[in-house]
Structures are given as C-alpha cells and as structure tokens.
Amino acid sequence: MGARYAGLLAHVIAFRAIVVRSSARFKLGQDESDTSFGEILSALGDNALARAMRTQRD
C-alpha cells in the first residue's frame, strides 16, 4: 500500500456488530489505478486470487 497506508489508517474505526445476514461480493481491485493494481498483484505473486484479479480487470 506504500504511501497510502498512513492516510487510510487515519480512517479506521473499531466497532462491534451482530451479523444478521450475509451476501458474498468480490471487489478484486477494479477501481485501483494501474500502478496500485500492479503493486497489489506483485505482492500476491502467482496464485488463484491474483489470476482472478487479472481476469476481472481485463
């Protein structure tokens, strides 16, 4: 996450919640800049998640 870490960390809020329902959704980096997306994929290496992210981005 590089330089983004400090800015994002300032907005982290701790809370407790009771889950009454769940629905799976996948955000695989579609909204990331090309640079950030490349950094994420580099950190993941070659695995199923990284391949899925590449497929969804294309």
Protein backbone atom coordinates (compact mmCIF):
# COMPACT_ATOMS: atom_id res chain seq x y z
CA MET A 1 0.00 0.00 0.00
CA GLY A 2 3.01 2.23 0.25
CA ALA A 3 2.30 5.89 0.90
CA ARG A 4 -1.47 5.22 1.04
CA TYR A 5 -1.15 3.36 4.35
CA ALA A 6 -0.95 6.36 6.69
CA GLY A 7 -3.86 8.12 5.02
CA LEU A 8 -6.06 5.04 5.13
CA LEU A 9 -5.09 4.19 8.70
CA ALA A 10 -6.40 7.53 9.93
CA HIS A 11 -9.89 6.48 8.83
CA VAL A 12 -10.01 3.05 10.50
CA ILE A 13 -12.75 2.88 13.13
CA ALA A 14 -13.19 -0.04 15.54
CA PHE A 15 -16.74 -1.30 16.16
CA ARG A 16 -18.77 -4.38 17.07
CA ALA A 17 -21.75 -5.62 15.11
CA ILE A 18 -24.15 -8.53 15.13
CA VAL A 19 -24.38 -10.13 11.70
CA VAL A 20 -27.97 -10.95 10.80
CA ARG A 21 -27.43 -11.75 7.12
CA SER A 22 -24.54 -12.05 4.69
CA SER A 23 -24.13 -11.94 0.93
CA ALA A 24 -20.83 -12.56 -0.86
CA ARG A 25 -19.45 -9.77 -3.08
CA PHE A 26 -15.99 -9.63 -4.56
CA LYS A 27 -14.00 -6.48 -5.19
CA LEU A 28 -10.86 -7.53 -6.95
CA GLY A 29 -9.14 -4.20 -7.48
CA GLN A 30 -11.21 -3.00 -10.42
CA ASP A 31 -11.18 0.60 -9.17
CA GLU A 32 -7.45 0.77 -8.40
CA SER A 33 -5.08 2.80 -10.55
CA ASP A 34 -2.84 0.80 -12.87
CA THR A 35 0.13 1.48 -10.58
CA SER A 36 -1.65 0.38 -7.41
CA PHE A 37 -3.13 -2.66 -9.13
CA GLY A 38 0.32 -3.71 -10.30
CA GLU A 39 1.71 -3.33 -6.76
CA ILE A 40 -1.10 -5.47 -5.35
CA LEU A 41 -0.52 -8.21 -7.93
CA SER A 42 3.23 -8.13 -7.33
CA ALA A 43 2.68 -8.61 -3.60
CA LEU A 44 0.29 -11.51 -4.19
CA GLY A 45 2.60 -13.39 -6.53
CA ASP A 46 1.19 -16.08 -8.82
CA ASN A 47 -1.81 -17.62 -7.08
CA ALA A 48 -5.53 -18.16 -7.67
CA LEU A 49 -6.51 -14.76 -6.24
CA ALA A 50 -4.04 -12.87 -8.42
CA ARG A 51 -5.21 -14.78 -11.51
CA ALA A 52 -8.86 -13.99 -10.70
CA MET A 53 -7.99 -10.32 -10.24
CA ARG A 54 -6.23 -10.21 -13.62
CA THR A 55 -9.20 -11.91 -15.30
CA GLN A 56 -11.73 -9.47 -13.82
CA ARG A 57 -9.58 -6.47 -14.74
CA ASP A 58 -9.32 -7.36 -18.43
